[in-house]
Amino acid sequence: MAKKTMRIAFPFGGILPAEITGGKEKTVPPHEPVSVPVAYGRQLTDDRFAYDAEKMKPAAQKKVEAPLPEFADLEKSVEDARAALEAAQDLESQGKAQAALEEAERALADARKSEAPGAASTE
């Protein structure tokens, strides 16, 4: 019968002893999920040396995705404008594509500037 395991991760990295890994000692980087026997995993999570990677998965994904959507649309429009400029065949379409690229870059720069610390108005 196979041993029951659970997935844990160390917030600051950790070391799994040879008895747990079945070979030699293993160094684990921060937030990298690893499978360990349930008893050992519970001991680490109860003592707060590690956390249950399965329970924390959705929260970790939200943190990573949070800052990206703010500028994703603007960055996409800049990329699209650059592609259109490269694909432009004649001078007229090149001029329109160049103007669209400059406008998209300006909108992205303005958005980043407004997000910068200290950018809020002081009244």
N, C-alpha and C. Protein backbone atom coordinates (compact mmCIF):
# COMPACT_ATOMS: atom_id res chain seq x y z
N MET A 1 0.84 -1.19 0.00
CA MET A 1 0.00 0.00 0.00
C MET A 1 0.89 1.25 0.00
N ALA A 2 0.57 2.19 -0.85
CA ALA A 2 1.37 3.41 -0.97
C ALA A 2 1.11 4.34 0.21
N LYS A 3 2.15 5.08 0.57
CA LYS A 3 2.01 6.06 1.65
C LYS A 3 1.19 7.24 1.15
N LYS A 4 0.38 7.79 2.04
CA LYS A 4 -0.39 8.99 1.70
C LYS A 4 0.56 10.18 1.72
N THR A 5 0.41 11.04 0.72
CA THR A 5 1.26 12.22 0.64
C THR A 5 0.41 13.47 0.53
N MET A 6 1.05 14.59 0.75
CA MET A 6 0.41 15.89 0.57
C MET A 6 1.43 16.82 -0.08
N ARG A 7 0.93 17.89 -0.68
CA ARG A 7 1.82 18.86 -1.32
C ARG A 7 2.00 20.04 -0.38
N ILE A 8 3.25 20.37 -0.09
CA ILE A 8 3.56 21.52 0.74
C ILE A 8 4.53 22.42 -0.01
N ALA A 9 4.67 23.64 0.47
CA ALA A 9 5.65 24.57 -0.06
C ALA A 9 6.19 25.39 1.10
N PHE A 10 7.46 25.75 0.99
CA PHE A 10 8.11 26.55 2.02
C PHE A 10 8.09 28.02 1.59
N PRO A 11 7.62 28.93 2.45
CA PRO A 11 7.57 30.33 2.06
C PRO A 11 8.96 30.94 1.83
N PHE A 12 9.98 30.43 2.54
CA PHE A 12 11.33 30.98 2.40
C PHE A 12 12.32 29.93 1.94
N GLY A 13 11.84 28.84 1.39
CA GLY A 13 12.70 27.73 0.99
C GLY A 13 12.91 26.80 2.17
N GLY A 14 13.37 25.60 1.89
CA GLY A 14 13.57 24.64 2.96
C GLY A 14 14.44 23.48 2.51
N ILE A 15 14.70 22.60 3.46
CA ILE A 15 15.51 21.41 3.20
C ILE A 15 14.73 20.19 3.64
N LEU A 16 14.57 19.23 2.74
CA LEU A 16 13.91 17.98 3.08
C LEU A 16 15.00 16.97 3.44
N PRO A 17 14.88 16.31 4.60
CA PRO A 17 15.90 15.35 5.01
C PRO A 17 15.89 14.09 4.15
N ALA A 18 16.99 13.38 4.16
CA ALA A 18 17.15 12.16 3.35
C ALA A 18 16.10 11.12 3.69
N GLU A 19 15.67 11.04 4.94
CA GLU A 19 14.66 10.07 5.35
C GLU A 19 13.33 10.32 4.64
N ILE A 20 13.04 11.54 4.31
CA ILE A 20 11.78 11.90 3.66
C ILE A 20 11.89 11.72 2.15
N THR A 21 13.02 12.10 1.58
CA THR A 21 13.17 12.03 0.12
C THR A 21 13.51 10.63 -0.36
N GLY A 22 13.96 9.77 0.54
CA GLY A 22 14.31 8.41 0.16
C GLY A 22 15.67 8.31 -0.50
N GLY A 23 16.45 9.31 -0.45
CA GLY A 23 17.78 9.31 -1.06
C GLY A 23 18.69 10.21 -0.28
N LYS A 24 18.95 11.38 -0.86
CA LYS A 24 19.77 12.33 -0.13
C LYS A 24 18.99 13.61 0.11
N GLU A 25 19.51 14.43 0.99
CA GLU A 25 18.88 15.68 1.37
C GLU A 25 18.57 16.53 0.14
N LYS A 26 17.41 17.18 0.14
CA LYS A 26 16.99 17.99 -1.01
C LYS A 26 16.66 19.41 -0.56
N THR A 27 17.25 20.38 -1.25
CA THR A 27 16.95 21.78 -0.99
C THR A 27 15.79 22.20 -1.89
N VAL A 28 14.80 22.84 -1.30
CA VAL A 28 13.60 23.24 -2.03
C VAL A 28 13.53 24.77 -2.05
N PRO A 29 13.40 25.37 -3.25
CA PRO A 29 13.29 26.83 -3.34
C PRO A 29 11.95 27.32 -2.77
N PRO A 30 11.85 28.62 -2.47
CA PRO A 30 10.61 29.18 -1.94
C PRO A 30 9.41 28.94 -2.86
N HIS A 31 8.29 28.59 -2.27
CA HIS A 31 6.99 28.42 -2.93
C HIS A 31 6.95 27.32 -3.99
N GLU A 32 7.92 26.42 -4.01
CA GLU A 32 7.88 25.29 -4.95
C GLU A 32 7.20 24.12 -4.27
N PRO A 33 6.05 23.67 -4.78
CA PRO A 33 5.34 22.55 -4.16
C PRO A 33 6.12 21.24 -4.27
N VAL A 34 6.14 20.48 -3.17
CA VAL A 34 6.77 19.15 -3.15
C VAL A 34 5.84 18.20 -2.42
N SER A 35 5.90 16.92 -2.79
CA SER A 35 5.10 15.90 -2.13
C SER A 35 5.89 15.32 -0.97
N VAL A 36 5.24 15.22 0.19
CA VAL A 36 5.86 14.64 1.38
C VAL A 36 4.81 13.77 2.07
N PRO A 37 5.24 12.84 2.93
CA PRO A 37 4.26 12.06 3.69
C PRO A 37 3.36 13.00 4.52
N VAL A 38 2.11 12.62 4.65
CA VAL A 38 1.13 13.47 5.33
C VAL A 38 1.57 13.83 6.74
N ALA A 39 2.08 12.88 7.51
CA ALA A 39 2.47 13.16 8.89
C ALA A 39 3.56 14.23 8.94
N TYR A 40 4.55 14.12 8.07
CA TYR A 40 5.64 15.09 8.03
C TYR A 40 5.12 16.45 7.54
N GLY A 41 4.27 16.44 6.53
CA GLY A 41 3.70 17.68 6.01
C GLY A 41 2.85 18.40 7.04
N ARG A 42 2.04 17.65 7.78
CA ARG A 42 1.22 18.27 8.83
C ARG A 42 2.09 18.89 9.92
N GLN A 43 3.17 18.21 10.26
CA GLN A 43 4.08 18.73 11.28
C GLN A 43 4.66 20.07 10.82
N LEU A 44 5.10 20.15 9.57
CA LEU A 44 5.67 21.40 9.05
C LEU A 44 4.62 22.50 8.93
N THR A 45 3.40 22.14 8.50
CA THR A 45 2.37 23.17 8.36
C THR A 45 1.86 23.63 9.72
N ASP A 46 1.75 22.72 10.69
CA ASP A 46 1.31 23.10 12.02
C ASP A 46 2.32 24.04 12.70
N ASP A 47 3.61 23.79 12.44
CA ASP A 47 4.66 24.64 13.03
C ASP A 47 4.95 25.87 12.17
N ARG A 48 4.21 26.00 11.07
CA ARG A 48 4.30 27.13 10.15
C ARG A 48 5.66 27.29 9.47
N PHE A 49 6.35 26.17 9.27
CA PHE A 49 7.57 26.19 8.47
C PHE A 49 7.21 26.06 6.99
N ALA A 50 6.00 25.54 6.73
CA ALA A 50 5.54 25.34 5.36
C ALA A 50 4.03 25.56 5.34
N TYR A 51 3.46 25.59 4.14
CA TYR A 51 2.01 25.71 4.01
C TYR A 51 1.52 24.64 3.03
N ASP A 52 0.25 24.31 3.15
CA ASP A 52 -0.38 23.32 2.28
C ASP A 52 -0.52 23.94 0.89
N ALA A 53 0.24 23.44 -0.06
CA ALA A 53 0.28 24.02 -1.40
C ALA A 53 -1.05 23.91 -2.12
N GLU A 54 -1.82 22.89 -1.84
CA GLU A 54 -3.12 22.73 -2.49
C GLU A 54 -4.13 23.76 -2.00
N LYS A 55 -4.11 24.09 -0.73
CA LYS A 55 -5.05 25.06 -0.19
C LYS A 55 -4.67 26.48 -0.58
N MET A 56 -3.40 26.76 -0.77
CA MET A 56 -2.94 28.11 -1.06
C MET A 56 -2.86 28.42 -2.55
N LYS A 57 -3.08 27.45 -3.41
CA LYS A 57 -2.91 27.63 -4.85
C LYS A 57 -3.72 28.80 -5.42
N PRO A 58 -5.02 28.93 -5.17
CA PRO A 58 -5.76 30.04 -5.78
C PRO A 58 -5.27 31.41 -5.33
N ALA A 59 -4.92 31.58 -4.10
CA ALA A 59 -4.44 32.88 -3.62
C ALA A 59 -3.13 33.25 -4.28
N ALA A 60 -2.24 32.28 -4.45
CA ALA A 60 -0.96 32.56 -5.09
C ALA A 60 -1.17 32.99 -6.54
N GLN A 61 -2.11 32.39 -7.24
CA GLN A 61 -2.38 32.76 -8.62
C GLN A 61 -2.93 34.18 -8.71
N LYS A 62 -3.77 34.57 -7.78
CA LYS A 62 -4.33 35.91 -7.80
C LYS A 62 -3.24 36.95 -7.63
N LYS A 63 -2.27 36.71 -6.76
CA LYS A 63 -1.19 37.66 -6.54
C LYS A 63 -0.38 37.86 -7.81
N VAL A 64 -0.11 36.80 -8.51
CA VAL A 64 0.69 36.90 -9.72
C VAL A 64 -0.06 37.63 -10.81
N GLU A 65 -1.34 37.41 -10.95
CA GLU A 65 -2.11 38.00 -12.02
C GLU A 65 -2.57 39.43 -11.74
N ALA A 66 -2.58 39.85 -10.50
CA ALA A 66 -3.13 41.14 -10.15
C ALA A 66 -2.51 42.33 -10.88
N PRO A 67 -1.19 42.49 -10.92
CA PRO A 67 -0.66 43.69 -11.56
C PRO A 67 -0.70 43.66 -13.09
N LEU A 68 -0.83 42.49 -13.69
CA LEU A 68 -0.73 42.37 -15.14
C LEU A 68 -1.90 42.97 -15.92
N PRO A 69 -3.18 42.75 -15.55
CA PRO A 69 -4.28 43.22 -16.39
C PRO A 69 -4.33 44.73 -16.56
N GLU A 70 -3.77 45.50 -15.64
CA GLU A 70 -3.86 46.95 -15.72
C GLU A 70 -3.27 47.48 -17.03
N PHE A 71 -2.13 46.94 -17.44
CA PHE A 71 -1.45 47.43 -18.62
C PHE A 71 -1.49 46.44 -19.78
N ALA A 72 -2.06 45.29 -19.58
CA ALA A 72 -2.04 44.25 -20.61
C ALA A 72 -2.69 44.71 -21.91
N ASP A 73 -3.84 45.37 -21.83
CA ASP A 73 -4.53 45.83 -23.04
C ASP A 73 -3.70 46.90 -23.77
N LEU A 74 -3.12 47.81 -22.99
CA LEU A 74 -2.32 48.87 -23.61
C LEU A 74 -1.04 48.30 -24.24
N GLU A 75 -0.40 47.34 -23.55
CA GLU A 75 0.80 46.72 -24.11
C GLU A 75 0.46 45.94 -25.38
N LYS A 76 -0.70 45.30 -25.38
CA LYS A 76 -1.15 44.55 -26.57
C LYS A 76 -1.38 45.50 -27.73
N SER A 77 -1.97 46.67 -27.47
CA SER A 77 -2.21 47.62 -28.55
C SER A 77 -0.89 48.16 -29.12
N VAL A 78 0.12 48.33 -28.27
CA VAL A 78 1.44 48.76 -28.76
C VAL A 78 2.04 47.68 -29.65
N GLU A 79 1.95 46.41 -29.20
CA GLU A 79 2.48 45.30 -30.01
C GLU A 79 1.75 45.21 -31.35
N ASP A 80 0.42 45.36 -31.33
CA ASP A 80 -0.36 45.30 -32.56
C ASP A 80 0.03 46.44 -33.51
N ALA A 81 0.23 47.63 -32.95
CA ALA A 81 0.61 48.78 -33.78
C ALA A 81 1.99 48.57 -34.40
N ARG A 82 2.92 47.99 -33.64
CA ARG A 82 4.25 47.70 -34.20
C ARG A 82 4.15 46.68 -35.33
N ALA A 83 3.33 45.66 -35.13
CA ALA A 83 3.15 44.65 -36.17
C ALA A 83 2.53 45.26 -37.42
N ALA A 84 1.57 46.17 -37.23
CA ALA A 84 0.94 46.83 -38.37
C ALA A 84 1.94 47.70 -39.12
N LEU A 85 2.82 48.37 -38.37
CA LEU A 85 3.84 49.20 -39.00
C LEU A 85 4.80 48.35 -39.83
N GLU A 86 5.19 47.22 -39.31
CA GLU A 86 6.09 46.33 -40.04
C GLU A 86 5.42 45.74 -41.28
N ALA A 87 4.11 45.54 -41.20
CA ALA A 87 3.39 44.93 -42.31
C ALA A 87 2.97 45.95 -43.37
N ALA A 88 3.06 47.24 -43.04
CA ALA A 88 2.62 48.28 -43.97
C ALA A 88 3.44 48.25 -45.25
N GLN A 89 2.75 48.33 -46.40
CA GLN A 89 3.40 48.21 -47.71
C GLN A 89 3.71 49.57 -48.34
N ASP A 90 2.78 50.51 -48.24
CA ASP A 90 3.00 51.80 -48.90
C ASP A 90 3.18 52.91 -47.87
N LEU A 91 3.57 54.09 -48.35
CA LEU A 91 3.85 55.21 -47.46
C LEU A 91 2.63 55.66 -46.66
N GLU A 92 1.47 55.65 -47.29
CA GLU A 92 0.26 56.09 -46.60
C GLU A 92 -0.06 55.17 -45.41
N SER A 93 -0.03 53.86 -45.64
CA SER A 93 -0.33 52.92 -44.56
C SER A 93 0.78 52.93 -43.50
N GLN A 94 2.02 53.21 -43.92
CA GLN A 94 3.11 53.32 -42.95
C GLN A 94 2.91 54.54 -42.05
N GLY A 95 2.45 55.65 -42.64
CA GLY A 95 2.18 56.86 -41.86
C GLY A 95 1.07 56.65 -40.85
N LYS A 96 -0.01 56.00 -41.29
CA LYS A 96 -1.12 55.71 -40.37
C LYS A 96 -0.68 54.77 -39.26
N ALA A 97 0.10 53.75 -39.62
CA ALA A 97 0.56 52.79 -38.62
C ALA A 97 1.52 53.45 -37.63
N GLN A 98 2.38 54.36 -38.12
CA GLN A 98 3.30 55.08 -37.24
C GLN A 98 2.53 55.96 -36.25
N ALA A 99 1.50 56.63 -36.74
CA ALA A 99 0.67 57.48 -35.87
C ALA A 99 -0.05 56.63 -34.82
N ALA A 100 -0.55 55.47 -35.23
CA ALA A 100 -1.24 54.58 -34.28
C ALA A 100 -0.26 54.05 -33.23
N LEU A 101 0.97 53.75 -33.65
CA LEU A 101 1.98 53.27 -32.71
C LEU A 101 2.32 54.35 -31.70
N GLU A 102 2.53 55.58 -32.17
CA GLU A 102 2.86 56.68 -31.26
C GLU A 102 1.73 56.93 -30.27
N GLU A 103 0.50 56.86 -30.73
CA GLU A 103 -0.65 57.06 -29.85
C GLU A 103 -0.74 55.95 -28.80
N ALA A 104 -0.52 54.70 -29.21
CA ALA A 104 -0.57 53.57 -28.27
C ALA A 104 0.55 53.67 -27.24
N GLU A 105 1.74 54.05 -27.69
CA GLU A 105 2.87 54.21 -26.75
C GLU A 105 2.61 55.34 -25.77
N ARG A 106 2.02 56.43 -26.25
CA ARG A 106 1.71 57.57 -25.38
C ARG A 106 0.66 57.17 -24.33
N ALA A 107 -0.36 56.42 -24.74
CA ALA A 107 -1.39 55.97 -23.80
C ALA A 107 -0.80 55.05 -22.73
N LEU A 108 0.11 54.16 -23.15
CA LEU A 108 0.76 53.27 -22.19
C LEU A 108 1.64 54.07 -21.23
N ALA A 109 2.40 55.01 -21.74
CA ALA A 109 3.27 55.83 -20.89
C ALA A 109 2.44 56.65 -19.90
N ASP A 110 1.32 57.21 -20.36
CA ASP A 110 0.45 57.98 -19.47
C ASP A 110 -0.12 57.11 -18.37
N ALA A 111 -0.53 55.90 -18.71
CA ALA A 111 -1.10 54.99 -17.72
C ALA A 111 -0.05 54.61 -16.68
N ARG A 112 1.16 54.34 -17.14
CA ARG A 112 2.24 53.99 -16.19
C ARG A 112 2.60 55.18 -15.32
N LYS A 113 2.58 56.36 -15.89
CA LYS A 113 2.92 57.56 -15.13
C LYS A 113 1.88 57.81 -14.04
N SER A 114 0.61 57.59 -14.37
CA SER A 114 -0.45 57.82 -13.38
C SER A 114 -0.42 56.78 -12.27
N GLU A 115 0.17 55.62 -12.52
CA GLU A 115 0.29 54.56 -11.51
C GLU A 115 1.52 54.74 -10.64
N ALA A 116 2.44 55.60 -11.03
CA ALA A 116 3.69 55.78 -10.30
C ALA A 116 3.42 56.38 -8.92
N PRO A 117 4.23 55.98 -7.91
CA PRO A 117 4.04 56.55 -6.57
C PRO A 117 4.23 58.06 -6.61
N GLY A 118 3.40 58.76 -5.90
CA GLY A 118 3.49 60.22 -5.85
C GLY A 118 2.78 60.88 -7.01
N ALA A 119 2.14 60.12 -7.87
CA ALA A 119 1.45 60.69 -9.02
C ALA A 119 0.07 61.24 -8.66
N ALA A 120 -0.42 60.89 -7.50
CA ALA A 120 -1.74 61.37 -7.08
C ALA A 120 -1.68 62.89 -6.85
N SER A 121 -2.79 63.54 -7.14
CA SER A 121 -2.82 64.98 -6.98
C SER A 121 -2.85 65.35 -5.50
N THR A 122 -2.18 66.41 -5.16
CA THR A 122 -2.16 66.88 -3.77
C THR A 122 -2.96 68.15 -3.70
N GLU A 123 -4.07 68.08 -2.98
CA GLU A 123 -4.94 69.27 -2.87
C GLU A 123 -4.93 69.77 -1.47
